[in-house]
Amino acid sequence: MASTIALEIPRDVLHTTRMRPEELKCELALSLFQQGKLSFGKAREMVGMTVWAFQQLLGSRGIPVHYDLTDYEDDLATLQELGRL
């Protein structure tokens, strides 16, 4: 069951930053993802982007996707099992 909360942002903050509420929401999602507080999927959902579009946004901002050595080794093993290496 999805639920939402309302977050009050003073109008002068939006005016000062020259951002629309949707842009501010995107910045929040990016920041939380970068800090490891929000998963890729949840951050992407929050901004309503496709996987590809969100990956491109992260790349354009220089924000790395969380991908550690264990993930790499798992992917490598899978590729070897599939005969692609």
C-alpha atoms as a PDB file:
ATOM      1  CA  MET A   1       0.000   0.000   0.000  1.00  0.00           C
ATOM      2  CA  ALA A   2       1.558   3.261  -1.111  1.00  0.00           C
ATOM      3  CA  SER A   3       1.343   6.344   0.999  1.00  0.00           C
ATOM      4  CA  THR A   4       2.575   9.874   0.587  1.00  0.00           C
ATOM      5  CA  ILE A   5       3.430  12.758   2.828  1.00  0.00           C
ATOM      6  CA  ALA A   6       3.278  16.454   2.144  1.00  0.00           C
ATOM      7  CA  LEU A   7       6.487  18.384   2.594  1.00  0.00           C
ATOM      8  CA  GLU A   8       6.207  22.117   3.042  1.00  0.00           C
ATOM      9  CA  ILE A   9       8.787  24.086   1.102  1.00  0.00           C
ATOM     10  CA  PRO A  10       8.610  27.842   1.568  1.00  0.00           C
ATOM     11  CA  ARG A  11       7.735  29.587  -1.672  1.00  0.00           C
ATOM     12  CA  ASP A  12      10.785  31.840  -1.325  1.00  0.00           C
ATOM     13  CA  VAL A  13      13.037  28.757  -1.343  1.00  0.00           C
ATOM     14  CA  LEU A  14      11.537  27.684  -4.662  1.00  0.00           C
ATOM     15  CA  HIS A  15      11.868  31.229  -5.937  1.00  0.00           C
ATOM     16  CA  THR A  16      15.482  31.531  -4.756  1.00  0.00           C
ATOM     17  CA  THR A  17      16.520  28.207  -6.256  1.00  0.00           C
ATOM     18  CA  ARG A  18      14.483  28.868  -9.402  1.00  0.00           C
ATOM     19  CA  MET A  19      13.257  25.291  -9.218  1.00  0.00           C
ATOM     20  CA  ARG A  20       9.864  23.740  -9.706  1.00  0.00           C
ATOM     21  CA  PRO A  21       8.642  21.370  -6.972  1.00  0.00           C
ATOM     22  CA  GLU A  22       9.319  18.401  -9.304  1.00  0.00           C
ATOM     23  CA  GLU A  23      12.935  19.500  -9.740  1.00  0.00           C
ATOM     24  CA  LEU A  24      13.387  19.815  -5.990  1.00  0.00           C
ATOM     25  CA  LYS A  25      11.914  16.329  -5.544  1.00  0.00           C
ATOM     26  CA  CYS A  26      14.417  15.013  -8.084  1.00  0.00           C
ATOM     27  CA  GLU A  27      17.315  16.666  -6.251  1.00  0.00           C
ATOM     28  CA  LEU A  28      16.144  15.071  -3.001  1.00  0.00           C
ATOM     29  CA  ALA A  29      15.967  11.640  -4.628  1.00  0.00           C
ATOM     30  CA  LEU A  30      19.449  12.049  -6.126  1.00  0.00           C
ATOM     31  CA  SER A  31      20.912  13.159  -2.822  1.00  0.00           C
ATOM     32  CA  LEU A  32      19.338  10.290  -0.893  1.00  0.00           C
ATOM     33  CA  PHE A  33      20.541   7.791  -3.510  1.00  0.00           C
ATOM     34  CA  GLN A  34      24.062   9.221  -3.463  1.00  0.00           C
ATOM     35  CA  GLN A  35      24.157   8.934   0.337  1.00  0.00           C
ATOM     36  CA  GLY A  36      23.022   5.302   0.142  1.00  0.00           C
ATOM     37  CA  LYS A  37      19.774   6.065   1.959  1.00  0.00           C
ATOM     38  CA  LEU A  38      17.585   5.235  -1.028  1.00  0.00           C
ATOM     39  CA  SER A  39      17.985   2.380  -3.486  1.00  0.00           C
ATOM     40  CA  PHE A  40      18.287   2.925  -7.219  1.00  0.00           C
ATOM     41  CA  GLY A  41      14.760   1.602  -7.739  1.00  0.00           C
ATOM     42  CA  LYS A  42      13.163   3.716  -5.040  1.00  0.00           C
ATOM     43  CA  ALA A  43      14.975   6.881  -6.134  1.00  0.00           C
ATOM     44  CA  ARG A  44      13.918   6.220  -9.722  1.00  0.00           C
ATOM     45  CA  GLU A  45      10.327   5.646  -8.632  1.00  0.00           C
ATOM     46  CA  MET A  46      10.353   8.848  -6.605  1.00  0.00           C
ATOM     47  CA  VAL A  47      11.160  10.915  -9.691  1.00  0.00           C
ATOM     48  CA  GLY A  48       9.035   8.830 -12.059  1.00  0.00           C
ATOM     49  CA  MET A  49      11.809   8.015 -14.530  1.00  0.00           C
ATOM     50  CA  THR A  50      12.608   4.913 -16.522  1.00  0.00           C
ATOM     51  CA  VAL A  51      15.663   2.896 -15.542  1.00  0.00           C
ATOM     52  CA  TRP A  52      17.554   4.165 -18.588  1.00  0.00           C
ATOM     53  CA  ALA A  53      16.626   7.828 -18.013  1.00  0.00           C
ATOM     54  CA  PHE A  54      17.620   7.631 -14.339  1.00  0.00           C
ATOM     55  CA  GLN A  55      20.947   5.989 -15.227  1.00  0.00           C
ATOM     56  CA  GLN A  56      21.598   8.778 -17.710  1.00  0.00           C
ATOM     57  CA  LEU A  57      20.750  11.408 -15.086  1.00  0.00           C
ATOM     58  CA  LEU A  58      23.138   9.803 -12.600  1.00  0.00           C
ATOM     59  CA  GLY A  59      25.854   9.693 -15.254  1.00  0.00           C
ATOM     60  CA  SER A  60      25.344  13.325 -16.201  1.00  0.00           C
ATOM     61  CA  ARG A  61      25.785  14.252 -12.545  1.00  0.00           C
ATOM     62  CA  GLY A  62      28.811  12.010 -12.029  1.00  0.00           C
ATOM     63  CA  ILE A  63      26.958   9.932  -9.438  1.00  0.00           C
ATOM     64  CA  PRO A  64      28.128   6.316  -9.559  1.00  0.00           C
ATOM     65  CA  VAL A  65      25.642   3.474  -9.379  1.00  0.00           C
ATOM     66  CA  HIS A  66      26.250   1.433  -6.239  1.00  0.00           C
ATOM     67  CA  TYR A  67      28.143  -1.528  -7.629  1.00  0.00           C
ATOM     68  CA  ASP A  68      30.737  -3.170  -5.434  1.00  0.00           C
ATOM     69  CA  LEU A  69      33.271  -5.944  -5.858  1.00  0.00           C
ATOM     70  CA  THR A  70      30.780  -8.616  -4.814  1.00  0.00           C
ATOM     71  CA  ASP A  71      28.327  -7.458  -7.483  1.00  0.00           C
ATOM     72  CA  TYR A  72      31.119  -7.530 -10.074  1.00  0.00           C
ATOM     73  CA  GLU A  73      32.234 -11.035  -9.068  1.00  0.00           C
ATOM     74  CA  ASP A  74      28.627 -12.284  -9.180  1.00  0.00           C
ATOM     75  CA  ASP A  75      28.144 -10.820 -12.650  1.00  0.00           C
ATOM     76  CA  LEU A  76      31.446 -12.280 -13.801  1.00  0.00           C
ATOM     77  CA  ALA A  77      30.463 -15.744 -12.538  1.00  0.00           C
ATOM     78  CA  THR A  78      27.109 -15.488 -14.294  1.00  0.00           C
ATOM     79  CA  LEU A  79      28.763 -14.511 -17.561  1.00  0.00           C
ATOM     80  CA  GLN A  80      31.172 -17.447 -17.248  1.00  0.00           C
ATOM     81  CA  GLU A  81      28.268 -19.835 -16.579  1.00  0.00           C
ATOM     82  CA  LEU A  82      26.508 -18.544 -19.691  1.00  0.00           C
ATOM     83  CA  GLY A  83      29.668 -19.033 -21.723  1.00  0.00           C
ATOM     84  CA  ARG A  84      29.974 -15.348 -22.560  1.00  0.00           C
ATOM     85  CA  LEU A  85      33.533 -14.975 -21.301  1.00  0.00           C
END
